């Protein structure tokens, strides 16, 4: 048994290497995964490790391939039902997950709060929300809502309550850090992100196992809509699928759909005919497709039937006059020169909207690359491992030395903000995610997205809509994204008024997921100095 952690680490690394393949290696992955599942059939989390060992670069075993703990209570045991008397029974969480929970009673009343419900409607003051088990059973003015007996009453005057964020570009990795399967889920949840779509996976099997681990109540984190491996084309990233035929695409999609994947992401160099095949085959298998584009324009891909496009305006090579059809080419000068109010931009928006294509805004990762604005959140620096903090300071120094010659221009950020607002105002489905990278960390990047959307001209209630109900709509989940009777009790309690002070979004006091009130303080304390290790 002593060799099991070594075996699992080896299999994890091999899975990462092979998981982007589509033909020869794909059955090997399946065989390895079956072996892992046989070794670890219980799914229990190892509660003995709460900090990263100092002699490793990352630690994945305790999160995705946990070892049994004989003292842990199995949340699937039918005897656990005695703990819950609510008719809307909460999912059963392990004692390990409950160690991060501050509120765990069947009936909870949030009294005296300001509610931003996620629909884009005006906020309402002096509201009471009643949670029964995992669901919201009442929302209304505090003087008109009857609070049942045996309810835990939280007096929350001065707080704002919003739906849990539904992120649509929320990776479990960052450039240079292929696995963040311990730190990322905790940071997301601590910052109010209760559901994510990962928009491309660096290790699909690891991501799938983490999603299952969280769903079964063995680890804290948001609900994860995991994606398949990236699909690109000639000249693209070598660890991504580079299909040689439509038959290969079909085999790959069928395989990953069988593994539970419902989203695929295409990348910059994909051939147009292969992109069309990905879309058609995915749709036939009830899966969706998003893209980080270059070889194909937004207008072209909208007509192909893609479901979403990542990064807003910045990869819209529709506006590059020297763009070659079917090739990732064209000058980036359009990012500075384009008039967002122009007819050509409106035509692209019209094509997206008419073809029901969503656009994912990732403003926080753009800002993280802009000299003069690339300033890390203090909380992010506290979460980062020392080598990442040093890399941040060195990057800031290089930015200062480069001045106007730095590769990412502030104009690009400003144009992106204008573009997102124009698309939203035109009736487009705009969603958001941080695209973690640099000092733009999971969770903190989501909160910064809210602030940047408000800076761009969105009303706070509109920014919340983008980050909650719009994401739920794209993910086809009607049970989340808004605050109303019958919805899942995924809620964020914020100390302050985000309509008066948008930065109050950072003052997360309590995050309800499926009726459990998680402590941001406990979750964040568990990852300090760990991002970059695990």
Protein backbone atom coordinates (compact mmCIF):
# COMPACT_ATOMS: atom_id res chain seq x y z
CA UNK A 1 0.00 0.00 0.00
CA UNK A 2 2.93 2.33 0.57
CA UNK A 3 3.54 2.48 -3.19
CA UNK A 4 0.02 3.56 -4.08
CA UNK A 5 0.70 7.36 -3.95
CA UNK A 6 3.71 6.87 -6.24
CA UNK A 7 1.63 4.75 -8.61
CA UNK A 8 -1.14 7.34 -8.67
CA UNK A 9 1.23 10.21 -9.31
CA UNK A 10 2.81 8.26 -12.17
CA UNK A 11 -0.58 7.45 -13.66
CA UNK A 12 -1.68 11.09 -13.26
CA UNK A 13 1.33 12.33 -15.19
CA UNK A 14 0.84 9.70 -17.90
CA UNK A 15 -2.81 10.65 -18.10
CA UNK A 16 -1.85 14.29 -18.60
CA UNK A 17 0.58 13.35 -21.38
CA UNK A 18 -1.77 11.01 -23.19
CA UNK A 19 -5.14 12.65 -22.59
CA UNK A 20 -4.91 14.84 -25.66
CA UNK A 21 -4.53 11.86 -27.98
CA UNK A 22 -7.44 10.50 -29.96
CA UNK A 23 -6.50 7.16 -31.42
CA UNK A 24 -3.67 4.89 -30.37
CA UNK A 25 -3.36 6.09 -26.77
CA UNK A 26 -6.97 6.66 -25.81
CA UNK A 27 -7.65 3.06 -24.73
CA UNK A 28 -4.46 3.11 -22.70
CA UNK A 29 -5.88 6.06 -20.75
CA UNK A 30 -9.09 4.16 -20.17
CA UNK A 31 -7.20 1.16 -18.86
CA UNK A 32 -5.11 3.30 -16.51
CA UNK A 33 -8.23 5.05 -15.22
CA UNK A 34 -9.97 1.77 -14.55
CA UNK A 35 -6.97 0.66 -12.53
CA UNK A 36 -6.99 3.89 -10.55
CA UNK A 37 -10.70 3.48 -9.85
CA UNK A 38 -10.13 -0.08 -8.63
CA UNK A 39 -7.37 1.11 -6.30
CA UNK A 40 -9.50 3.95 -4.98
CA UNK A 41 -13.11 2.83 -5.05
CA UNK A 42 -14.21 4.67 -1.94
CA UNK A 43 -13.46 8.20 -3.12
CA UNK A 44 -12.67 9.42 0.37
CA UNK A 45 -10.50 12.48 0.76
CA UNK A 46 -7.29 12.32 2.75
CA UNK A 47 -7.79 14.82 5.57
CA UNK A 48 -4.26 14.56 6.89
CA UNK A 49 -2.72 17.03 4.45
CA UNK A 50 -3.66 20.70 4.71
CA UNK A 51 -0.49 22.27 3.29
CA UNK A 52 1.82 21.47 0.39
CA UNK A 53 5.03 19.63 1.17
CA UNK A 54 8.01 21.90 0.68
CA UNK A 55 9.86 19.50 -1.58
CA UNK A 56 7.29 19.22 -4.40
CA UNK A 57 6.15 21.48 -7.20
CA UNK A 58 2.54 20.36 -7.00
CA UNK A 59 0.53 17.74 -5.15
CA UNK A 60 -2.45 16.19 -6.83
CA UNK A 61 -2.94 12.88 -5.06
CA UNK A 62 -4.83 14.20 -2.05
CA UNK A 63 -7.39 15.94 -4.23
CA UNK A 64 -8.20 13.82 -7.23
CA UNK A 65 -7.10 10.37 -6.24
CA UNK A 66 -7.76 10.44 -2.47
CA UNK A 67 -6.96 7.57 -0.15
CA UNK A 68 -9.56 6.00 2.14
CA UNK A 69 -9.99 7.39 5.63
CA UNK A 70 -11.57 4.86 7.93
CA UNK A 71 -12.84 7.59 10.22
CA UNK A 72 -14.58 9.57 7.49
CA UNK A 73 -18.34 9.26 7.18
CA UNK A 74 -19.55 8.05 3.79
CA UNK A 75 -21.99 10.75 2.59
CA UNK A 76 -23.81 8.18 0.45
CA UNK A 77 -24.65 6.01 3.47
CA UNK A 78 -28.43 5.94 3.81
CA UNK A 79 -28.07 6.33 7.57
CA UNK A 80 -26.89 9.89 6.94
CA UNK A 81 -30.45 10.88 6.09
CA UNK A 82 -31.19 11.14 9.79
CA UNK A 83 -29.10 14.34 9.90
CA UNK A 84 -31.52 16.17 7.62
CA UNK A 85 -35.21 16.69 8.21
CA UNK A 86 -35.78 19.22 5.44
CA UNK A 87 -38.10 18.23 2.62
CA UNK A 88 -35.53 19.73 0.23
CA UNK A 89 -32.79 17.49 1.50
CA UNK A 90 -29.26 18.83 1.16
CA UNK A 91 -26.66 16.62 -0.50
CA UNK A 92 -24.64 14.74 2.08
CA UNK A 93 -21.12 16.10 2.53
CA UNK A 94 -18.23 14.32 4.24
CA UNK A 95 -16.99 15.54 7.61
CA UNK A 96 -13.88 16.79 5.82
CA UNK A 97 -15.93 19.12 3.59
CA UNK A 98 -18.06 20.16 6.54
CA UNK A 99 -14.93 21.38 8.28
CA UNK A 100 -15.13 24.34 5.87
CA UNK A 101 -18.83 24.98 6.62
CA UNK A 102 -20.07 27.60 9.10
CA UNK A 103 -23.83 27.20 8.54
CA UNK A 104 -25.29 23.70 8.40
CA UNK A 105 -28.93 23.65 9.47
CA UNK A 106 -31.96 22.49 7.47
CA UNK A 107 -33.72 25.87 7.71
CA UNK A 108 -31.88 29.19 7.42
CA UNK A 109 -33.27 32.73 7.14
CA UNK A 110 -31.13 35.55 5.72
CA UNK A 111 -32.84 38.62 7.16
CA UNK A 112 -32.58 42.30 6.21
CA UNK A 113 -30.43 41.89 3.12
CA UNK A 114 -30.24 43.73 -0.16
CA UNK A 115 -30.96 41.27 -2.98
CA UNK A 116 -29.57 41.44 -6.51
CA UNK A 117 -31.38 38.50 -8.04
CA UNK A 118 -29.27 37.86 -11.16
CA UNK A 119 -31.97 38.70 -13.70
CA UNK A 120 -30.75 42.24 -14.36
CA UNK A 121 -33.73 43.66 -12.46
CA UNK A 122 -33.37 46.42 -9.89
CA UNK A 123 -32.10 45.43 -6.48
CA UNK A 124 -34.45 45.15 -3.51
CA UNK A 125 -33.69 46.23 0.04
CA UNK A 126 -34.79 44.81 3.39
CA UNK A 127 -35.37 41.34 2.00
CA UNK A 128 -35.54 37.96 3.70
CA UNK A 129 -34.46 34.76 1.97
CA UNK A 130 -35.41 31.42 3.50
CA UNK A 131 -33.38 28.34 2.63
CA UNK A 132 -34.93 24.94 3.23
CA UNK A 133 -32.33 22.24 2.73
CA UNK A 134 -30.77 22.80 -0.68
CA UNK A 135 -33.43 25.15 -2.05
CA UNK A 136 -34.79 28.66 -1.69
CA UNK A 137 -38.37 28.48 -0.47
CA UNK A 138 -39.16 32.14 0.13
CA UNK A 139 -37.93 35.58 -0.96
CA UNK A 140 -39.62 38.84 -0.03
CA UNK A 141 -39.69 41.93 2.13
CA UNK A 142 -38.67 41.09 5.67
CA UNK A 143 -42.04 42.27 7.03
CA UNK A 144 -43.99 39.97 4.73
CA UNK A 145 -42.03 36.71 4.98
CA UNK A 146 -43.03 34.28 7.69
CA UNK A 147 -40.05 32.51 9.24
CA UNK A 148 -40.77 28.88 10.20
CA UNK A 149 -40.04 27.49 13.63
CA UNK A 150 -36.63 25.90 14.19
CA UNK A 151 -35.02 28.22 11.64
CA UNK A 152 -31.50 29.54 12.09
CA UNK A 153 -31.92 33.30 11.67
CA UNK A 154 -28.97 35.35 10.37
CA UNK A 155 -29.38 39.10 10.89
CA UNK A 156 -27.60 40.49 7.84
CA UNK A 157 -28.44 44.18 7.72
CA UNK A 158 -25.87 45.97 5.58
CA UNK A 159 -25.18 42.92 3.44
CA UNK A 160 -25.84 42.27 -0.24
CA UNK A 161 -26.87 38.81 -1.45
CA UNK A 162 -26.25 37.71 -5.04
CA UNK A 163 -26.54 34.34 -6.77
CA UNK A 164 -23.41 32.22 -6.84
CA UNK A 165 -21.21 33.11 -9.80
CA UNK A 166 -21.48 30.80 -12.81
CA UNK A 167 -18.10 31.06 -14.53
CA UNK A 168 -17.66 30.05 -18.16
CA UNK A 169 -13.89 30.40 -18.59
CA UNK A 170 -12.65 28.99 -15.29
CA UNK A 171 -9.68 26.73 -15.79
CA UNK A 172 -8.24 24.30 -13.29
CA UNK A 173 -4.78 25.18 -14.58
CA UNK A 174 -2.67 28.23 -15.37
CA UNK A 175 0.19 28.64 -17.85
CA UNK A 176 3.17 26.91 -16.29
CA UNK A 177 0.95 25.24 -13.66
CA UNK A 178 -0.80 22.26 -15.27
CA UNK A 179 -2.60 21.21 -12.11
CA UNK A 180 -4.37 23.41 -9.53
CA UNK A 181 -6.80 20.82 -8.32
CA UNK A 182 -6.41 21.68 -4.64
CA UNK A 183 -6.07 25.46 -4.64
CA UNK A 184 -8.36 26.44 -7.52
CA UNK A 185 -11.59 24.84 -6.22
CA UNK A 186 -11.12 26.41 -2.80
CA UNK A 187 -10.37 29.85 -4.20
CA UNK A 188 -13.32 29.72 -6.58
CA UNK A 189 -15.74 28.74 -3.83
CA UNK A 190 -14.32 31.21 -1.31
CA UNK A 191 -14.92 34.04 -3.77
CA UNK A 192 -18.52 33.06 -4.51
CA UNK A 193 -18.08 30.94 -7.64
CA UNK A 194 -20.42 27.98 -7.21
CA UNK A 195 -20.49 26.57 -10.77
CA UNK A 196 -17.83 26.60 -13.46
CA UNK A 197 -17.31 25.48 -17.03
CA UNK A 198 -13.59 24.91 -17.42
CA UNK A 199 -13.33 26.00 -21.09
CA UNK A 200 -10.54 23.61 -21.97
CA UNK A 201 -8.72 21.04 -19.91
CA UNK A 202 -4.99 20.42 -19.56
CA UNK A 203 -5.73 17.02 -17.98
CA UNK A 204 -9.27 15.85 -18.76
CA UNK A 205 -9.25 12.74 -16.59
CA UNK A 206 -7.92 14.55 -13.57
CA UNK A 207 -10.54 17.24 -14.08
CA UNK A 208 -13.29 14.65 -14.44
CA UNK A 209 -12.24 12.91 -11.22
CA UNK A 210 -12.15 16.19 -9.34
CA UNK A 211 -15.65 17.07 -10.59
CA UNK A 212 -16.89 13.72 -9.33
CA UNK A 213 -15.07 14.08 -6.01
CA UNK A 214 -16.74 17.44 -5.38
CA UNK A 215 -20.14 16.22 -6.55
CA UNK A 216 -20.00 13.27 -4.16
CA UNK A 217 -19.20 15.56 -1.24
CA UNK A 218 -15.60 14.55 -0.63
CA UNK A 219 -13.88 17.85 -1.47
CA UNK A 220 -14.94 21.52 -1.35
CA UNK A 221 -15.35 23.44 -4.55
CA UNK A 222 -17.79 24.62 -7.20
CA UNK A 223 -19.81 22.29 -9.38
CA UNK A 224 -17.54 21.61 -12.36
CA UNK A 225 -18.66 21.23 -15.95
CA UNK A 226 -15.50 19.58 -17.23
CA UNK A 227 -14.35 19.81 -20.83
CA UNK A 228 -12.52 17.51 -23.18
CA UNK A 229 -9.00 18.03 -24.50
CA UNK A 230 -8.33 21.04 -26.71
CA UNK A 231 -8.68 20.52 -30.46
CA UNK A 232 -6.42 22.58 -32.74
CA UNK A 233 -4.69 22.25 -36.11
CA UNK A 234 -1.30 22.23 -37.83
CA UNK A 235 1.15 24.51 -36.06
CA UNK A 236 -0.86 24.41 -32.86
CA UNK A 237 0.13 23.33 -29.38
CA UNK A 238 1.67 19.88 -29.55
CA UNK A 239 -0.17 18.51 -26.50
CA UNK A 240 -3.55 19.29 -28.06
CA UNK A 241 -5.46 17.11 -30.50
CA UNK A 242 -4.35 17.92 -34.04
CA UNK A 243 -6.79 15.84 -36.10
CA UNK A 244 -5.72 14.42 -39.44
CA UNK A 245 -9.21 13.40 -40.48
CA UNK A 246 -12.87 13.85 -39.68
CA UNK A 247 -12.99 10.18 -38.66
CA UNK A 248 -10.39 10.91 -35.99
CA UNK A 249 -12.49 13.81 -34.72
CA UNK A 250 -15.51 11.55 -34.55
CA UNK A 251 -13.64 8.90 -32.56
CA UNK A 252 -12.31 11.50 -30.14
CA UNK A 253 -15.65 13.18 -29.50
CA UNK A 254 -17.48 9.89 -29.06
CA UNK A 255 -14.84 8.73 -26.60
CA UNK A 256 -14.94 11.85 -24.44
CA UNK A 257 -18.73 12.09 -24.54
CA UNK A 258 -18.79 8.54 -23.18
CA UNK A 259 -16.51 9.82 -20.40
CA UNK A 260 -19.09 12.45 -19.43
CA UNK A 261 -17.78 15.48 -21.34
CA UNK A 262 -20.47 17.92 -22.48
CA UNK A 263 -18.23 20.72 -23.79
CA UNK A 264 -15.32 20.82 -26.24
CA UNK A 265 -12.97 23.70 -26.95
CA UNK A 266 -11.34 24.37 -30.30
CA UNK A 267 -8.13 26.35 -30.50
CA UNK A 268 -6.45 28.89 -32.73
CA UNK A 269 -5.08 26.79 -35.61
CA UNK A 270 -8.01 24.48 -36.29
CA UNK A 271 -8.89 23.96 -39.95
CA UNK A 272 -12.35 25.27 -40.93
CA UNK A 273 -13.52 21.87 -42.18
CA UNK A 274 -12.39 20.23 -38.95
CA UNK A 275 -14.10 22.90 -36.89
CA UNK A 276 -17.35 22.26 -38.74
CA UNK A 277 -16.97 18.55 -38.04
CA UNK A 278 -16.33 19.17 -34.33
CA UNK A 279 -19.48 21.28 -34.09
CA UNK A 280 -21.69 18.87 -36.03
CA UNK A 281 -20.51 15.73 -34.25
CA UNK A 282 -20.63 17.35 -30.82
CA UNK A 283 -24.18 18.56 -31.38
CA UNK A 284 -25.27 15.12 -32.53
CA UNK A 285 -24.00 13.85 -29.20
CA UNK A 286 -25.71 16.55 -27.10
CA UNK A 287 -22.44 18.35 -26.44
CA UNK A 288 -21.50 21.99 -27.03
CA UNK A 289 -18.47 23.72 -28.54
CA UNK A 290 -16.62 26.89 -27.64
CA UNK A 291 -13.55 28.40 -29.23
CA UNK A 292 -10.45 30.52 -28.79
CA UNK A 293 -10.28 31.54 -32.43
CA UNK A 294 -7.83 32.82 -35.02
CA UNK A 295 -7.99 30.69 -38.18
CA UNK A 296 -11.74 31.27 -38.46
CA UNK A 297 -13.54 34.58 -37.98
CA UNK A 298 -16.43 35.17 -35.61
CA UNK A 299 -18.84 35.62 -38.51
CA UNK A 300 -17.73 32.40 -40.16
CA UNK A 301 -17.92 30.32 -37.01
CA UNK A 302 -21.34 31.75 -36.10
CA UNK A 303 -22.69 30.38 -39.38
CA UNK A 304 -21.08 27.02 -38.61
CA UNK A 305 -23.17 26.77 -35.45
CA UNK A 306 -20.64 27.16 -32.64
CA UNK A 307 -22.18 27.69 -29.20
CA UNK A 308 -19.74 30.18 -27.67
CA UNK A 309 -16.60 32.20 -28.31
CA UNK A 310 -13.96 32.98 -25.70
CA UNK A 311 -12.21 36.26 -24.85
CA UNK A 312 -14.67 38.72 -26.33
CA UNK A 313 -13.30 41.09 -28.93
CA UNK A 314 -9.60 40.45 -28.88
CA UNK A 315 -9.54 37.46 -31.27
CA UNK A 316 -12.13 38.79 -33.71
CA UNK A 317 -9.95 38.67 -36.81
CA UNK A 318 -13.03 39.61 -38.84
CA UNK A 319 -11.53 43.09 -38.51
CA UNK A 320 -7.99 42.24 -39.69
CA UNK A 321 -7.77 43.33 -43.36
CA UNK A 322 -4.84 41.00 -44.15
CA UNK A 323 -6.49 37.89 -42.67
CA UNK A 324 -6.01 34.79 -44.86
CA UNK A 325 -9.01 32.49 -45.08
CA UNK A 326 -8.62 29.35 -43.00
CA UNK A 327 -5.25 30.33 -41.52
CA UNK A 328 -4.34 31.87 -38.18
CA UNK A 329 -3.05 35.10 -39.65
CA UNK A 330 -3.63 38.82 -39.80
CA UNK A 331 -2.34 41.94 -38.13
CA UNK A 332 -3.36 42.74 -34.56
CA UNK A 333 -3.52 46.44 -35.40
CA UNK A 334 -7.32 46.24 -35.50
CA UNK A 335 -7.29 45.93 -31.70
CA UNK A 336 -6.26 49.57 -31.45
CA UNK A 337 -7.83 51.00 -34.60
CA UNK A 338 -11.33 49.52 -34.60
CA UNK A 339 -14.32 51.73 -33.86
CA UNK A 340 -16.60 49.68 -31.61
CA UNK A 341 -19.59 51.75 -32.76
CA UNK A 342 -18.86 50.98 -36.43
CA UNK A 343 -21.18 49.14 -38.79
CA UNK A 344 -18.68 46.30 -39.22
CA UNK A 345 -18.69 45.55 -35.48
CA UNK A 346 -22.49 45.72 -35.39
CA UNK A 347 -22.64 43.24 -38.28
CA UNK A 348 -20.45 40.78 -36.39
CA UNK A 349 -22.63 41.17 -33.30
CA UNK A 350 -25.73 40.64 -35.41
CA UNK A 351 -24.29 37.40 -36.81
CA UNK A 352 -23.48 36.12 -33.33
CA UNK A 353 -26.86 37.03 -31.89
CA UNK A 354 -28.88 35.66 -34.80
CA UNK A 355 -27.03 32.35 -34.51
CA UNK A 356 -27.32 32.17 -30.70
CA UNK A 357 -23.58 32.39 -30.08
CA UNK A 358 -22.55 33.44 -26.59
CA UNK A 359 -19.47 35.55 -25.91
CA UNK A 360 -17.30 34.96 -22.85
CA UNK A 361 -15.68 38.04 -21.31
CA UNK A 362 -12.24 37.58 -19.73
CA UNK A 363 -11.31 41.14 -18.80
CA UNK A 364 -9.30 40.31 -15.69
CA UNK A 365 -6.62 38.36 -17.57
CA UNK A 366 -6.35 41.22 -20.07
CA UNK A 367 -5.82 43.75 -17.31
CA UNK A 368 -3.18 41.49 -15.75
CA UNK A 369 -1.04 42.06 -18.86
CA UNK A 370 -1.37 45.86 -19.08
CA UNK A 371 1.54 47.99 -17.78
CA UNK A 372 0.31 50.35 -15.11
CA UNK A 373 -2.70 48.14 -14.36
CA UNK A 374 -1.07 44.76 -13.81
CA UNK A 375 -1.07 45.14 -10.04
CA UNK A 376 -1.71 42.01 -8.03
CA UNK A 377 -4.46 41.83 -5.45
CA UNK A 378 -2.83 41.54 -2.01
CA UNK A 379 -4.89 38.42 -1.40
CA UNK A 380 -3.50 36.85 -4.57
CA UNK A 381 0.08 37.46 -3.49
CA UNK A 382 -0.69 35.80 -0.15
CA UNK A 383 -2.05 32.74 -1.95
CA UNK A 384 0.85 32.41 -4.39
CA UNK A 385 3.92 30.27 -3.75
CA UNK A 386 7.15 32.25 -3.30
CA UNK A 387 8.46 31.49 -6.79
CA UNK A 388 5.26 32.91 -8.33
CA UNK A 389 5.49 36.04 -6.20
CA UNK A 390 9.06 36.52 -7.40
CA UNK A 391 7.97 35.95 -11.02
CA UNK A 392 5.29 38.61 -10.55
CA UNK A 393 7.80 41.20 -9.33
CA UNK A 394 10.19 40.38 -12.16
CA UNK A 395 7.38 40.74 -14.70
CA UNK A 396 6.44 44.12 -13.29
CA UNK A 397 10.06 45.20 -13.65
CA UNK A 398 10.14 44.08 -17.31
CA UNK A 399 6.91 45.95 -17.98
CA UNK A 400 8.36 49.13 -16.53
CA UNK A 401 11.49 48.80 -18.61
CA UNK A 402 9.58 48.08 -21.83
CA UNK A 403 7.14 50.96 -21.42
CA UNK A 404 5.08 51.50 -24.57
CA UNK A 405 6.87 48.60 -26.27
CA UNK A 406 5.23 46.05 -23.99
CA UNK A 407 3.29 43.51 -26.05
CA UNK A 408 -0.16 44.03 -24.47
CA UNK A 409 -1.62 47.50 -24.92
CA UNK A 410 -4.04 49.25 -22.57
CA UNK A 411 -6.08 50.19 -25.65
CA UNK A 412 -6.81 46.50 -26.17
CA UNK A 413 -8.35 46.30 -22.71
CA UNK A 414 -10.40 49.47 -23.24
CA UNK A 415 -11.67 48.27 -26.62
CA UNK A 416 -12.56 44.89 -25.10
CA UNK A 417 -14.59 46.61 -22.39
CA UNK A 418 -16.44 48.68 -25.01
CA UNK A 419 -17.04 45.61 -27.16
CA UNK A 420 -18.48 43.52 -24.31
CA UNK A 421 -20.87 46.31 -23.35
CA UNK A 422 -21.98 46.88 -26.96
CA UNK A 423 -22.61 43.15 -27.44
CA UNK A 424 -24.64 42.97 -24.23
CA UNK A 425 -26.63 46.11 -25.06
CA UNK A 426 -27.42 44.62 -28.49
CA UNK A 427 -29.05 41.63 -26.84
CA UNK A 428 -26.14 39.19 -26.97
CA UNK A 429 -25.59 36.50 -24.35
CA UNK A 430 -22.46 37.68 -22.54
CA UNK A 431 -20.92 35.47 -19.86
CA UNK A 432 -17.66 35.77 -17.95
CA UNK A 433 -14.67 33.97 -16.47
CA UNK A 434 -11.17 34.98 -15.37
CA UNK A 435 -9.03 32.69 -17.59
CA UNK A 436 -6.58 32.29 -14.69
CA UNK A 437 -2.99 33.24 -15.35
CA UNK A 438 -0.11 35.38 -14.07
CA UNK A 439 -1.37 36.95 -10.80
CA UNK A 440 -4.98 36.68 -11.97
CA UNK A 441 -6.02 33.78 -9.76
CA UNK A 442 -9.18 31.67 -9.64
CA UNK A 443 -11.93 33.42 -7.71
CA UNK A 444 -10.09 36.69 -7.27
CA UNK A 445 -10.12 37.08 -11.05
CA UNK A 446 -13.89 36.50 -11.06
CA UNK A 447 -14.39 39.26 -8.51
CA UNK A 448 -12.13 41.56 -10.53
CA UNK A 449 -14.22 40.81 -13.62
CA UNK A 450 -17.22 42.28 -11.84
CA UNK A 451 -15.31 45.46 -11.05
CA UNK A 452 -14.08 45.75 -14.64
CA UNK A 453 -17.55 45.21 -16.10
CA UNK A 454 -18.82 48.07 -13.92
CA UNK A 455 -15.87 50.19 -15.06
CA UNK A 456 -16.85 49.36 -18.64
CA UNK A 457 -20.30 50.88 -18.12
CA UNK A 458 -22.42 47.95 -16.96
CA UNK A 459 -24.79 48.66 -14.12
CA UNK A 460 -23.89 46.46 -11.14
CA UNK A 461 -27.11 44.47 -11.58
CA UNK A 462 -26.20 43.90 -15.24
CA UNK A 463 -22.69 42.77 -14.36
CA UNK A 464 -24.16 40.30 -11.87
CA UNK A 465 -26.55 39.04 -14.55
CA UNK A 466 -23.61 38.43 -16.90
CA UNK A 467 -21.78 36.49 -14.21
CA UNK A 468 -24.72 34.44 -12.93
CA UNK A 469 -27.91 33.82 -14.89
CA UNK A 470 -26.27 34.30 -18.28
CA UNK A 471 -23.74 31.61 -17.41
CA UNK A 472 -26.53 29.33 -16.20
CA UNK A 473 -28.38 29.86 -19.47
CA UNK A 474 -25.33 28.93 -21.54
CA UNK A 475 -24.82 25.82 -19.42
CA UNK A 476 -28.51 24.86 -19.74
CA UNK A 477 -29.02 24.79 -15.98
CA UNK A 478 -32.32 26.45 -14.97
CA UNK A 479 -31.83 25.56 -11.28
CA UNK A 480 -29.05 28.10 -10.67
CA UNK A 481 -28.11 31.67 -11.57
CA UNK A 482 -30.97 33.62 -9.97
CA UNK A 483 -32.50 34.16 -6.56
CA UNK A 484 -36.09 32.97 -6.65
CA UNK A 485 -38.33 30.37 -5.06
CA UNK A 486 -37.42 26.84 -6.07
CA UNK A 487 -33.87 27.60 -7.18
CA UNK A 488 -30.84 25.88 -5.67
CA UNK A 489 -29.53 27.77 -2.66
CA UNK A 490 -26.25 28.89 -4.27
CA UNK A 491 -25.84 32.35 -2.74
CA UNK A 492 -23.09 34.81 -1.87
CA UNK A 493 -23.33 37.09 1.16
CA UNK A 494 -21.26 40.25 0.77
CA UNK A 495 -20.50 42.72 3.53
CA UNK A 496 -21.38 46.02 1.88
CA UNK A 497 -23.33 47.44 -1.03
CA UNK A 498 -21.77 46.58 -4.39
CA UNK A 499 -23.95 49.13 -6.16
CA UNK A 500 -22.41 51.90 -4.09
CA UNK A 501 -18.91 50.45 -3.88
CA UNK A 502 -18.15 47.77 -6.51
CA UNK A 503 -14.98 46.75 -4.64
CA UNK A 504 -17.23 45.45 -1.87
CA UNK A 505 -17.54 42.35 -4.06
CA UNK A 506 -14.29 41.27 -2.38
CA UNK A 507 -15.92 41.25 1.07
CA UNK A 508 -17.39 37.77 0.81
CA UNK A 509 -18.62 36.70 4.26
CA UNK A 510 -20.43 33.47 3.48
CA UNK A 511 -20.96 31.35 0.37
CA UNK A 512 -23.96 29.05 0.24
CA UNK A 513 -23.65 26.07 -2.06
CA UNK A 514 -26.60 23.70 -2.14
CA UNK A 515 -27.75 25.08 1.21
CA UNK A 516 -24.42 24.78 3.04
CA UNK A 517 -22.85 28.03 4.22
CA UNK A 518 -19.11 27.82 3.47
CA UNK A 519 -16.56 29.99 5.24
CA UNK A 520 -14.39 31.95 2.78
CA UNK A 521 -11.93 32.53 5.61
CA UNK A 522 -11.37 28.81 6.15
CA UNK A 523 -11.06 28.05 2.45
CA UNK A 524 -8.57 30.85 1.84
CA UNK A 525 -6.51 30.02 4.91
CA UNK A 526 -6.06 26.52 3.50
CA UNK A 527 -4.36 27.72 0.30
CA UNK A 528 -2.07 30.51 1.50
CA UNK A 529 1.28 30.21 -0.23
CA UNK A 530 0.11 27.08 -2.07
CA UNK A 531 -0.83 28.29 -5.58
CA UNK A 532 1.93 26.92 -7.77
CA UNK A 533 2.43 23.83 -5.58
CA UNK A 534 -0.96 22.14 -5.67
